PDB file of N, CA and C in Angstrom:
ATOM      1  N   MET A   1       0.956  -1.063  -0.085  1.00  0.00           N
ATOM      2  CA  MET A   1      -0.172   0.103   0.069  1.00  0.00           C
ATOM      3  C   MET A   1       0.849   1.234  -0.023  1.00  0.00           C
ATOM      4  N   SER A   2       0.389   2.306  -0.921  1.00  0.00           N
ATOM      5  CA  SER A   2       1.041   3.403  -0.882  1.00  0.00           C
ATOM      6  C   SER A   2       0.863   4.482   0.212  1.00  0.00           C
ATOM      7  N   GLN A   3       2.143   5.080   0.697  1.00  0.00           N
ATOM      8  CA  GLN A   3       1.887   5.960   1.846  1.00  0.00           C
ATOM      9  C   GLN A   3       2.094   7.481   1.275  1.00  0.00           C
ATOM     10  N   VAL A   4       1.082   8.217   1.591  1.00  0.00           N
ATOM     11  CA  VAL A   4       1.113   9.596   1.251  1.00  0.00           C
ATOM     12  C   VAL A   4       2.159  10.491   2.061  1.00  0.00           C
ATOM     13  N   LYS A   5       2.825  11.173   1.324  1.00  0.00           N
ATOM     14  CA  LYS A   5       3.973  12.089   2.011  1.00  0.00           C
ATOM     15  C   LYS A   5       3.721  13.418   1.843  1.00  0.00           C
ATOM     16  N   ARG A   6       4.369  14.400   2.350  1.00  0.00           N
ATOM     17  CA  ARG A   6       3.962  15.877   2.229  1.00  0.00           C
ATOM     18  C   ARG A   6       5.379  16.524   1.497  1.00  0.00           C
ATOM     19  N   PHE A   7       5.295  17.099   0.458  1.00  0.00           N
ATOM     20  CA  PHE A   7       6.197  17.780  -0.205  1.00  0.00           C
ATOM     21  C   PHE A   7       6.212  19.320  -0.400  1.00  0.00           C
ATOM     22  N   ARG A   8       7.317  19.771  -0.220  1.00  0.00           N
ATOM     23  CA  ARG A   8       7.832  21.223  -0.161  1.00  0.00           C
ATOM     24  C   ARG A   8       8.337  21.762  -1.367  1.00  0.00           C
ATOM     25  N   ILE A   9       7.601  22.546  -2.219  1.00  0.00           N
ATOM     26  CA  ILE A   9       8.262  22.972  -3.727  1.00  0.00           C
ATOM     27  C   ILE A   9       8.443  24.306  -3.717  1.00  0.00           C
ATOM     28  N   SER A  10       9.696  24.645  -4.088  1.00  0.00           N
ATOM     29  CA  SER A  10       9.969  25.947  -4.154  1.00  0.00           C
ATOM     30  C   SER A  10      10.566  26.426  -5.784  1.00  0.00           C
ATOM     31  N   GLY A  11      10.266  27.681  -5.997  1.00  0.00           N
ATOM     32  CA  GLY A  11      10.620  28.109  -7.453  1.00  0.00           C
ATOM     33  C   GLY A  11      10.370  29.273  -7.680  1.00  0.00           C
ATOM     34  N   GLU A  12      10.152  29.511  -9.139  1.00  0.00           N
ATOM     35  CA  GLU A  12       9.387  30.943  -9.318  1.00  0.00           C
ATOM     36  C   GLU A  12       8.632  30.876 -10.751  1.00  0.00           C
ATOM     37  N   ILE A  13       7.984  31.698 -10.746  1.00  0.00           N
ATOM     38  CA  ILE A  13       6.842  31.820 -12.200  1.00  0.00           C
ATOM     39  C   ILE A  13       7.588  33.208 -12.845  1.00  0.00           C
ATOM     40  N   ARG A  14       7.847  33.088 -14.119  1.00  0.00           N
ATOM     41  CA  ARG A  14       8.156  34.000 -14.874  1.00  0.00           C
ATOM     42  C   ARG A  14       6.886  34.563 -15.834  1.00  0.00           C
ATOM     43  N   LYS A  15       6.691  35.839 -15.357  1.00  0.00           N
ATOM     44  CA  LYS A  15       5.493  36.473 -16.019  1.00  0.00           C
ATOM     45  C   LYS A  15       5.882  38.000 -16.397  1.00  0.00           C
ATOM     46  N   ARG A  16       5.373  38.282 -17.546  1.00  0.00           N
ATOM     47  CA  ARG A  16       5.770  39.905 -17.861  1.00  0.00           C
ATOM     48  C   ARG A  16       7.136  40.131 -17.530  1.00  0.00           C
ATOM     49  N   GLY A  17       8.392  39.466 -17.682  1.00  0.00           N
ATOM     50  CA  GLY A  17       9.554  39.743 -17.439  1.00  0.00           C
ATOM     51  C   GLY A  17       9.916  39.802 -16.091  1.00  0.00           C
ATOM     52  N   GLU A  18       8.929  39.482 -15.151  1.00  0.00           N
ATOM     53  CA  GLU A  18       9.211  39.249 -13.620  1.00  0.00           C
ATOM     54  C   GLU A  18       9.553  37.806 -13.211  1.00  0.00           C
ATOM     55  N   ASN A  19      10.099  37.786 -12.112  1.00  0.00           N
ATOM     56  CA  ASN A  19      10.337  36.272 -11.586  1.00  0.00           C
ATOM     57  C   ASN A  19       9.687  36.391 -10.098  1.00  0.00           C
ATOM     58  N   LEU A  20       8.476  35.727  -9.961  1.00  0.00           N
ATOM     59  CA  LEU A  20       7.764  35.574  -8.732  1.00  0.00           C
ATOM     60  C   LEU A  20       8.128  34.552  -8.226  1.00  0.00           C
ATOM     61  N   PRO A  21       8.756  34.604  -6.750  1.00  0.00           N
ATOM     62  CA  PRO A  21       8.996  33.423  -6.048  1.00  0.00           C
ATOM     63  C   PRO A  21       7.669  32.687  -5.400  1.00  0.00           C
ATOM     64  N   PHE A  22       7.807  31.642  -5.092  1.00  0.00           N
ATOM     65  CA  PHE A  22       6.736  30.664  -4.611  1.00  0.00           C
ATOM     66  C   PHE A  22       7.372  29.450  -3.690  1.00  0.00           C
ATOM     67  N   LEU A  23       6.442  29.237  -2.717  1.00  0.00           N
ATOM     68  CA  LEU A  23       6.984  27.988  -1.840  1.00  0.00           C
ATOM     69  C   LEU A  23       5.557  27.446  -1.393  1.00  0.00           C
ATOM     70  N   LYS A  24       5.249  26.207  -2.054  1.00  0.00           N
ATOM     71  CA  LYS A  24       3.974  25.513  -1.906  1.00  0.00           C
ATOM     72  C   LYS A  24       4.233  24.161  -1.402  1.00  0.00           C
ATOM     73  N   GLU A  25       3.129  23.709  -0.688  1.00  0.00           N
ATOM     74  CA  GLU A  25       3.229  22.307   0.011  1.00  0.00           C
ATOM     75  C   GLU A  25       2.045  21.489  -0.735  1.00  0.00           C
ATOM     76  N   PHE A  26       2.290  20.338  -0.959  1.00  0.00           N
ATOM     77  CA  PHE A  26       1.160  19.264  -1.497  1.00  0.00           C
ATOM     78  C   PHE A  26       1.341  17.871  -0.863  1.00  0.00           C
ATOM     79  N   ASN A  27       0.374  17.405  -0.819  1.00  0.00           N
ATOM     80  CA  ASN A  27       0.146  15.952  -0.347  1.00  0.00           C
ATOM     81  C   ASN A  27       0.278  14.885  -1.629  1.00  0.00           C
ATOM     82  N   ALA A  28       1.366  13.990  -1.552  1.00  0.00           N
ATOM     83  CA  ALA A  28       1.163  12.967  -2.902  1.00  0.00           C
ATOM     84  C   ALA A  28       1.950  11.821  -2.451  1.00  0.00           C
ATOM     85  N   VAL A  29       1.731  10.617  -3.260  1.00  0.00           N
ATOM     86  CA  VAL A  29       2.598   9.679  -2.957  1.00  0.00           C
ATOM     87  C   VAL A  29       4.073   9.700  -3.573  1.00  0.00           C
ATOM     88  N   LYS A  30       4.228  10.335  -4.508  1.00  0.00           N
ATOM     89  CA  LYS A  30       5.532  10.644  -5.293  1.00  0.00           C
ATOM     90  C   LYS A  30       5.941  12.097  -5.521  1.00  0.00           C
ATOM     91  N   SER A  31       7.083  12.460  -5.485  1.00  0.00           N
ATOM     92  CA  SER A  31       7.285  13.647  -5.915  1.00  0.00           C
ATOM     93  C   SER A  31       6.868  14.259  -7.322  1.00  0.00           C
ATOM     94  N   ASP A  32       6.975  13.432  -8.187  1.00  0.00           N
ATOM     95  CA  ASP A  32       6.530  13.646  -9.483  1.00  0.00           C
ATOM     96  C   ASP A  32       4.987  13.905  -9.481  1.00  0.00           C
ATOM     97  N   ASP A  33       4.336  13.374  -8.650  1.00  0.00           N
ATOM     98  CA  ASP A  33       2.906  13.706  -8.544  1.00  0.00           C
ATOM     99  C   ASP A  33       2.725  15.176  -7.743  1.00  0.00           C
ATOM    100  N   ALA A  34       3.648  15.445  -6.846  1.00  0.00           N
ATOM    101  CA  ALA A  34       3.599  16.686  -6.246  1.00  0.00           C
ATOM    102  C   ALA A  34       3.824  17.881  -7.221  1.00  0.00           C
ATOM    103  N   VAL A  35       4.786  17.429  -7.998  1.00  0.00           N
ATOM    104  CA  VAL A  35       5.264  18.556  -9.240  1.00  0.00           C
ATOM    105  C   VAL A  35       3.967  18.780 -10.041  1.00  0.00           C
ATOM    106  N   GLU A  36       3.206  17.733 -10.535  1.00  0.00           N
ATOM    107  CA  GLU A  36       2.067  17.861 -11.297  1.00  0.00           C
ATOM    108  C   GLU A  36       1.025  18.574 -10.739  1.00  0.00           C
ATOM    109  N   ASN A  37       0.630  18.255  -9.568  1.00  0.00           N
ATOM    110  CA  ASN A  37      -0.277  19.359  -8.643  1.00  0.00           C
ATOM    111  C   ASN A  37       0.134  20.788  -8.591  1.00  0.00           C
ATOM    112  N   LEU A  38       1.566  21.053  -8.561  1.00  0.00           N
ATOM    113  CA  LEU A  38       1.842  22.309  -8.577  1.00  0.00           C
ATOM    114  C   LEU A  38       1.605  23.030  -9.900  1.00  0.00           C
ATOM    115  N   TYR A  39       1.867  22.240 -11.116  1.00  0.00           N
ATOM    116  CA  TYR A  39       1.622  22.734 -12.360  1.00  0.00           C
ATOM    117  C   TYR A  39       0.157  23.379 -12.551  1.00  0.00           C
ATOM    118  N   ALA A  40      -0.487  22.229 -12.055  1.00  0.00           N
ATOM    119  CA  ALA A  40      -2.154  22.471 -12.200  1.00  0.00           C
ATOM    120  C   ALA A  40      -2.668  23.631 -11.514  1.00  0.00           C
ATOM    121  N   ASP A  41      -2.023  23.814 -10.220  1.00  0.00           N
ATOM    122  CA  ASP A  41      -2.459  24.737  -9.296  1.00  0.00           C
ATOM    123  C   ASP A  41      -2.243  26.004  -9.602  1.00  0.00           C
ATOM    124  N   ILE A  42      -0.642  26.525  -9.843  1.00  0.00           N
ATOM    125  CA  ILE A  42      -0.359  27.544 -10.381  1.00  0.00           C
ATOM    126  C   ILE A  42      -0.852  27.852 -11.636  1.00  0.00           C
ATOM    127  N   GLY A  43      -0.783  26.967 -12.574  1.00  0.00           N
ATOM    128  CA  GLY A  43      -1.683  27.260 -13.812  1.00  0.00           C
ATOM    129  C   GLY A  43      -2.823  27.947 -13.812  1.00  0.00           C
ATOM    130  N   SER A  44      -3.810  27.225 -13.084  1.00  0.00           N
ATOM    131  CA  SER A  44      -5.169  27.816 -12.879  1.00  0.00           C
ATOM    132  C   SER A  44      -5.162  28.845 -12.159  1.00  0.00           C
ATOM    133  N   ARG A  45      -4.549  29.226 -11.045  1.00  0.00           N
ATOM    134  CA  ARG A  45      -4.540  30.398 -10.503  1.00  0.00           C
ATOM    135  C   ARG A  45      -3.986  31.702 -11.084  1.00  0.00           C
ATOM    136  N   HIS A  46      -2.894  31.509 -11.817  1.00  0.00           N
ATOM    137  CA  HIS A  46      -1.917  32.348 -12.486  1.00  0.00           C
ATOM    138  C   HIS A  46      -1.947  32.754 -13.990  1.00  0.00           C
ATOM    139  N   LYS A  47      -2.713  31.654 -14.492  1.00  0.00           N
ATOM    140  CA  LYS A  47      -2.562  31.656 -15.949  1.00  0.00           C
ATOM    141  C   LYS A  47      -1.221  31.250 -16.384  1.00  0.00           C
ATOM    142  N   ALA A  48      -0.334  30.592 -15.947  1.00  0.00           N
ATOM    143  CA  ALA A  48       0.844  30.291 -16.068  1.00  0.00           C
ATOM    144  C   ALA A  48       1.030  29.154 -16.964  1.00  0.00           C
ATOM    145  N   ARG A  49       1.890  28.968 -17.936  1.00  0.00           N
ATOM    146  CA  ARG A  49       2.171  27.676 -18.598  1.00  0.00           C
ATOM    147  C   ARG A  49       3.390  26.937 -18.193  1.00  0.00           C
ATOM    148  N   ARG A  50       3.418  25.691 -18.425  1.00  0.00           N
ATOM    149  CA  ARG A  50       4.497  25.217 -17.803  1.00  0.00           C
ATOM    150  C   ARG A  50       5.934  25.692 -17.974  1.00  0.00           C
ATOM    151  N   PHE A  51       6.053  26.132 -19.233  1.00  0.00           N
ATOM    152  CA  PHE A  51       7.562  26.636 -19.362  1.00  0.00           C
ATOM    153  C   PHE A  51       7.565  28.060 -18.569  1.00  0.00           C
ATOM    154  N   GLU A  52       6.796  28.729 -17.864  1.00  0.00           N
ATOM    155  CA  GLU A  52       6.947  29.678 -17.315  1.00  0.00           C
ATOM    156  C   GLU A  52       6.850  29.535 -15.766  1.00  0.00           C
ATOM    157  N   ILE A  53       6.822  28.288 -15.248  1.00  0.00           N
ATOM    158  CA  ILE A  53       7.103  27.772 -14.128  1.00  0.00           C
ATOM    159  C   ILE A  53       8.418  27.001 -13.999  1.00  0.00           C
ATOM    160  N   ARG A  54       9.228  27.604 -13.231  1.00  0.00           N
ATOM    161  CA  ARG A  54      10.484  26.943 -12.737  1.00  0.00           C
ATOM    162  C   ARG A  54      10.541  26.243 -11.528  1.00  0.00           C
ATOM    163  N   VAL A  55      10.768  25.047 -11.475  1.00  0.00           N
ATOM    164  CA  VAL A  55      10.760  24.326 -10.160  1.00  0.00           C
ATOM    165  C   VAL A  55      12.446  24.447  -9.818  1.00  0.00           C
ATOM    166  N   GLN A  56      12.701  25.021  -8.412  1.00  0.00           N
ATOM    167  CA  GLN A  56      14.302  25.042  -8.100  1.00  0.00           C
ATOM    168  C   GLN A  56      14.453  23.760  -7.378  1.00  0.00           C
ATOM    169  N   LYS A  57      13.519  23.619  -6.117  1.00  0.00           N
ATOM    170  CA  LYS A  57      13.837  22.415  -5.026  1.00  0.00           C
ATOM    171  C   LYS A  57      12.537  21.801  -4.776  1.00  0.00           C
ATOM    172  N   VAL A  58      12.552  20.531  -4.414  1.00  0.00           N
ATOM    173  CA  VAL A  58      11.369  19.474  -4.210  1.00  0.00           C
ATOM    174  C   VAL A  58      12.115  18.740  -2.885  1.00  0.00           C
ATOM    175  N   GLU A  59      11.460  18.979  -1.825  1.00  0.00           N
ATOM    176  CA  GLU A  59      11.681  18.312  -0.525  1.00  0.00           C
ATOM    177  C   GLU A  59      10.869  17.546   0.108  1.00  0.00           C
ATOM    178  N   GLU A  60      11.004  16.562   0.802  1.00  0.00           N
ATOM    179  CA  GLU A  60       9.748  15.785   1.525  1.00  0.00           C
ATOM    180  C   GLU A  60      10.096  16.532   2.923  1.00  0.00           C
ATOM    181  N   VAL A  61       8.643  16.774   3.633  1.00  0.00           N
ATOM    182  CA  VAL A  61       8.792  17.126   5.056  1.00  0.00           C
ATOM    183  C   VAL A  61       7.850  16.621   5.662  1.00  0.00           C
ATOM    184  N   SER A  62       7.825  16.686   7.093  1.00  0.00           N
ATOM    185  CA  SER A  62       7.142  15.476   7.965  1.00  0.00           C
ATOM    186  C   SER A  62       5.419  16.157   7.811  1.00  0.00           C
ATOM    187  N   MET A  63       4.603  15.262   7.909  1.00  0.00           N
ATOM    188  CA  MET A  63       3.258  15.472   7.778  1.00  0.00           C
ATOM    189  C   MET A  63       2.735  16.404   8.945  1.00  0.00           C
ATOM    190  N   GLY A  64       3.344  16.492  10.027  1.00  0.00           N
ATOM    191  CA  GLY A  64       3.066  17.095  11.052  1.00  0.00           C
ATOM    192  C   GLY A  64       3.431  18.921  11.053  1.00  0.00           C
ATOM    193  N   GLY A  65       4.078  19.074   9.894  1.00  0.00           N
ATOM    194  CA  GLY A  65       4.692  20.315   9.805  1.00  0.00           C
ATOM    195  C   GLY A  65       6.127  20.564  10.390  1.00  0.00           C
ATOM    196  N   GLU A  66       6.711  21.706  10.422  1.00  0.00           N
ATOM    197  CA  GLU A  66       7.819  21.884  10.983  1.00  0.00           C
ATOM    198  C   GLU A  66       7.777  21.923  12.565  1.00  0.00           C
ATOM    199  N   GLN A  67       9.025  21.384  13.321  1.00  0.00           N
ATOM    200  CA  GLN A  67       8.892  21.450  14.660  1.00  0.00           C
ATOM    201  C   GLN A  67       9.662  22.537  14.965  1.00  0.00           C
ATOM    202  N   ALA A  68       9.379  23.257  16.164  1.00  0.00           N
ATOM    203  CA  ALA A  68      10.168  24.446  16.644  1.00  0.00           C
ATOM    204  C   ALA A  68      11.216  24.085  17.397  1.00  0.00           C
TER     205      ALA A  68
END
């Protein structure tokens, strides 16, 4: 059975000559699934195409969030 993990994805969106940084978290089974969810989410919210979205880092984080 597959275990759902939480992934934190950081990068930037290139729109109108500007680089807009982002940091998003998604629940997914694999990191590739999380990146696909990111493309769908940012594409629908910001009307950005895949080539305008640059993923810089994908990391797995604990499901409970960060501990202080």
